[in-house]
Amino acid sequence: MAILLGGWLFGALIIGGMAAQNFSMVDRLLNSVDSSRQFLNKAAELPPGEARLMLRYLASELNRFYFQAWEWIELILGGILLALAASKLKNRKLTIGFAIMLGITLLMRFYLTPGLTFVGRSLDFVPRDPPPPGLAYFGLLHTTYSILDLMKFVVGIWMAVVLVRLPASPGKSQ
């Protein structure tokens, strides 16, 4: 159980870091003297701002794909951990904690992520000055997603503490 939970927590950190890096990579590529000269020449051939817009769109689509794939993995991990906690260990704290984590993941996967994807795609090529009407709603969805993801991570840390404190029993693996 500890390995599965550790993988879930580690994966959450990796996916969050990767998403942030995808967007910052766009500006690093376009502003770096270390970027390929061929790339910079091709980017310069586009109308002003077009290369950045296209690369940010690519980063958005990559993030959408990664988050959706990760959420399916989380559902599998959460289902396995909940089943193990409820049936093998019969530990109430673990069962409740994994149920909370799985519930949050279900909410994210089937409500927030589709909303973020739909609204995000509607904003991908819309000018930001003045801010488009959907931008505030996207911000609300994104903030809600981030808060829920953080809550899920905190519950996961709590589950790790509960697992570590379980008394070792012969013949039982954690």
Protein backbone atom coordinates (compact mmCIF):
# COMPACT_ATOMS: atom_id res chain seq x y z
CA MET A 1 0.00 0.00 0.00
CA ALA A 2 2.79 2.39 0.89
CA ILE A 3 4.37 1.97 -2.54
CA LEU A 4 1.08 2.72 -4.31
CA LEU A 5 0.44 5.76 -2.14
CA GLY A 6 4.01 6.96 -2.60
CA GLY A 7 3.59 6.62 -6.36
CA TRP A 8 0.37 8.60 -6.22
CA LEU A 9 1.94 11.42 -4.23
CA PHE A 10 5.12 11.47 -6.32
CA GLY A 11 3.09 11.44 -9.53
CA ALA A 12 1.05 14.42 -8.30
CA LEU A 13 4.24 16.41 -7.73
CA ILE A 14 5.65 15.44 -11.12
CA ILE A 15 2.49 16.29 -13.07
CA GLY A 16 2.14 19.68 -11.34
CA GLY A 17 5.75 20.60 -12.00
CA MET A 18 5.56 19.43 -15.58
CA ALA A 19 2.46 21.52 -16.29
CA ALA A 20 4.13 24.67 -15.00
CA GLN A 21 7.31 23.95 -16.94
CA ASN A 22 5.44 23.44 -20.22
CA PHE A 23 4.28 27.06 -20.19
CA SER A 24 7.52 28.59 -18.99
CA MET A 25 9.41 26.58 -21.62
CA VAL A 26 7.64 28.55 -24.34
CA ASP A 27 9.19 31.84 -23.25
CA ARG A 28 12.55 30.19 -22.52
CA LEU A 29 12.66 28.80 -26.05
CA LEU A 30 11.66 32.08 -27.67
CA ASN A 31 13.98 34.25 -25.56
CA SER A 32 17.01 32.02 -25.16
CA VAL A 33 20.28 32.42 -26.99
CA ASP A 34 20.70 28.68 -26.45
CA SER A 35 17.67 27.85 -28.62
CA SER A 36 18.27 26.37 -32.02
CA ARG A 37 19.09 29.08 -34.55
CA GLN A 38 16.81 27.30 -37.05
CA PHE A 39 13.94 27.36 -34.57
CA LEU A 40 14.41 31.05 -33.81
CA ASN A 41 14.61 31.88 -37.54
CA LYS A 42 11.39 29.98 -38.26
CA ALA A 43 9.67 31.62 -35.28
CA ALA A 44 10.79 35.06 -36.53
CA GLU A 45 9.10 34.40 -39.90
CA LEU A 46 5.70 34.30 -38.19
CA PRO A 47 3.69 37.43 -37.46
CA PRO A 48 4.61 39.05 -34.11
CA GLY A 49 3.40 36.97 -31.19
CA GLU A 50 2.21 34.09 -33.39
CA ALA A 51 5.02 31.67 -32.44
CA ARG A 52 4.34 32.26 -28.73
CA LEU A 53 0.58 31.81 -29.26
CA MET A 54 1.06 28.54 -31.14
CA LEU A 55 3.60 27.16 -28.66
CA ARG A 56 1.36 28.07 -25.70
CA TYR A 57 -1.49 26.28 -27.45
CA LEU A 58 0.73 23.20 -27.78
CA ALA A 59 1.67 23.45 -24.08
CA SER A 60 -2.03 23.72 -23.18
CA GLU A 61 -2.92 20.64 -25.21
CA LEU A 62 -0.03 18.68 -23.71
CA ASN A 63 -1.13 19.66 -20.20
CA ARG A 64 -4.72 18.70 -20.98
CA PHE A 65 -3.56 15.29 -22.17
CA TYR A 66 -1.22 14.74 -19.22
CA PHE A 67 -3.82 15.72 -16.62
CA GLN A 68 -6.50 13.53 -18.17
CA ALA A 69 -4.15 10.54 -18.37
CA TRP A 70 -2.93 11.14 -14.82
CA GLU A 71 -6.50 11.35 -13.49
CA TRP A 72 -7.28 7.90 -14.96
CA ILE A 73 -4.16 6.54 -13.26
CA GLU A 74 -5.25 8.20 -10.00
CA LEU A 75 -8.66 6.55 -10.27
CA ILE A 76 -6.99 3.15 -10.60
CA LEU A 77 -4.60 3.82 -7.72
CA GLY A 78 -7.39 5.20 -5.56
CA GLY A 79 -9.66 2.24 -6.27
CA ILE A 80 -6.94 -0.26 -5.41
CA LEU A 81 -5.93 1.57 -2.23
CA LEU A 82 -9.52 1.97 -1.07
CA ALA A 83 -10.25 -1.71 -1.70
CA LEU A 84 -7.12 -2.78 0.17
CA ALA A 85 -7.81 -0.47 3.11
CA ALA A 86 -11.41 -1.61 3.41
CA SER A 87 -10.92 -5.33 2.87
CA LYS A 88 -7.40 -6.31 3.92
CA LEU A 89 -6.46 -3.85 6.62
CA LYS A 90 -9.98 -2.96 7.71
CA ASN A 91 -8.62 0.36 8.93
CA ARG A 92 -11.29 3.05 9.24
CA LYS A 93 -8.90 6.02 8.91
CA LEU A 94 -7.31 4.60 5.76
CA THR A 95 -10.67 3.72 4.27
CA ILE A 96 -12.04 7.22 4.89
CA GLY A 97 -8.85 8.92 3.69
CA PHE A 98 -8.61 6.91 0.46
CA ALA A 99 -12.35 7.40 -0.12
CA ILE A 100 -11.85 11.18 0.18
CA MET A 101 -8.90 11.09 -2.23
CA LEU A 102 -10.84 8.96 -4.70
CA GLY A 103 -13.92 11.18 -4.38
CA ILE A 104 -11.88 14.30 -5.10
CA THR A 105 -10.32 12.60 -8.10
CA LEU A 106 -13.75 11.60 -9.43
CA LEU A 107 -14.96 15.19 -9.08
CA MET A 108 -11.88 16.48 -10.89
CA ARG A 109 -11.95 13.87 -13.65
CA PHE A 110 -15.63 14.04 -14.52
CA TYR A 111 -16.53 17.65 -13.70
CA LEU A 112 -13.62 20.05 -13.38
CA THR A 113 -11.29 18.73 -16.08
CA PRO A 114 -13.96 18.65 -18.81
CA GLY A 115 -14.98 22.19 -17.83
CA LEU A 116 -11.39 23.40 -17.82
CA THR A 117 -10.77 21.77 -21.19
CA PHE A 118 -13.89 23.24 -22.78
CA VAL A 119 -13.43 26.77 -21.43
CA GLY A 120 -9.66 26.68 -21.96
CA ARG A 121 -10.02 25.72 -25.62
CA SER A 122 -12.56 28.50 -26.11
CA LEU A 123 -9.94 30.96 -24.83
CA ASP A 124 -6.84 29.61 -26.58
CA PHE A 125 -6.84 32.09 -29.47
CA VAL A 126 -8.88 34.92 -27.99
CA PRO A 127 -7.09 38.25 -27.33
CA ARG A 128 -6.57 38.98 -23.63
CA ASP A 129 -7.03 42.74 -23.85
CA PRO A 130 -9.73 43.33 -22.79
CA PRO A 131 -10.06 40.12 -20.79
CA PRO A 132 -12.60 37.81 -22.43
CA PRO A 133 -15.71 36.93 -20.39
CA GLY A 134 -14.75 33.26 -20.01
CA LEU A 135 -11.37 34.07 -18.47
CA ALA A 136 -12.80 34.69 -14.99
CA TYR A 137 -14.72 31.40 -15.10
CA PHE A 138 -11.58 29.58 -16.27
CA GLY A 139 -9.68 31.14 -13.35
CA LEU A 140 -12.36 29.95 -10.93
CA LEU A 141 -12.24 26.40 -12.32
CA HIS A 142 -8.44 26.38 -12.26
CA THR A 143 -8.30 27.68 -8.69
CA THR A 144 -10.89 25.12 -7.57
CA TYR A 145 -8.90 22.36 -9.27
CA SER A 146 -5.67 23.49 -7.62
CA ILE A 147 -7.25 23.69 -4.17
CA LEU A 148 -8.80 20.23 -4.52
CA ASP A 149 -5.52 18.81 -5.77
CA LEU A 150 -3.72 20.30 -2.77
CA MET A 151 -6.38 18.93 -0.42
CA LYS A 152 -5.97 15.50 -2.00
CA PHE A 153 -2.21 15.72 -1.52
CA VAL A 154 -2.59 16.71 2.15
CA VAL A 155 -4.97 13.79 2.73
CA GLY A 156 -2.40 11.57 0.98
CA ILE A 157 0.31 12.74 3.39
CA TRP A 158 -2.07 12.00 6.27
CA MET A 159 -2.61 8.50 4.80
CA ALA A 160 1.15 7.98 4.67
CA VAL A 161 1.42 8.91 8.34
CA VAL A 162 -1.42 6.52 9.22
CA LEU A 163 0.28 3.74 7.24
CA VAL A 164 3.63 4.31 8.95
CA ARG A 165 1.98 4.21 12.38
CA LEU A 166 0.14 0.94 11.75
CA PRO A 167 1.40 -1.81 14.02
CA ALA A 168 3.38 -4.43 12.12
CA SER A 169 1.54 -7.74 12.05
CA PRO A 170 3.09 -11.02 10.98
CA GLY A 171 1.80 -12.09 7.59
CA LYS A 172 0.33 -8.68 6.74
CA SER A 173 1.97 -6.35 4.26
CA GLN A 174 1.30 -2.67 4.07
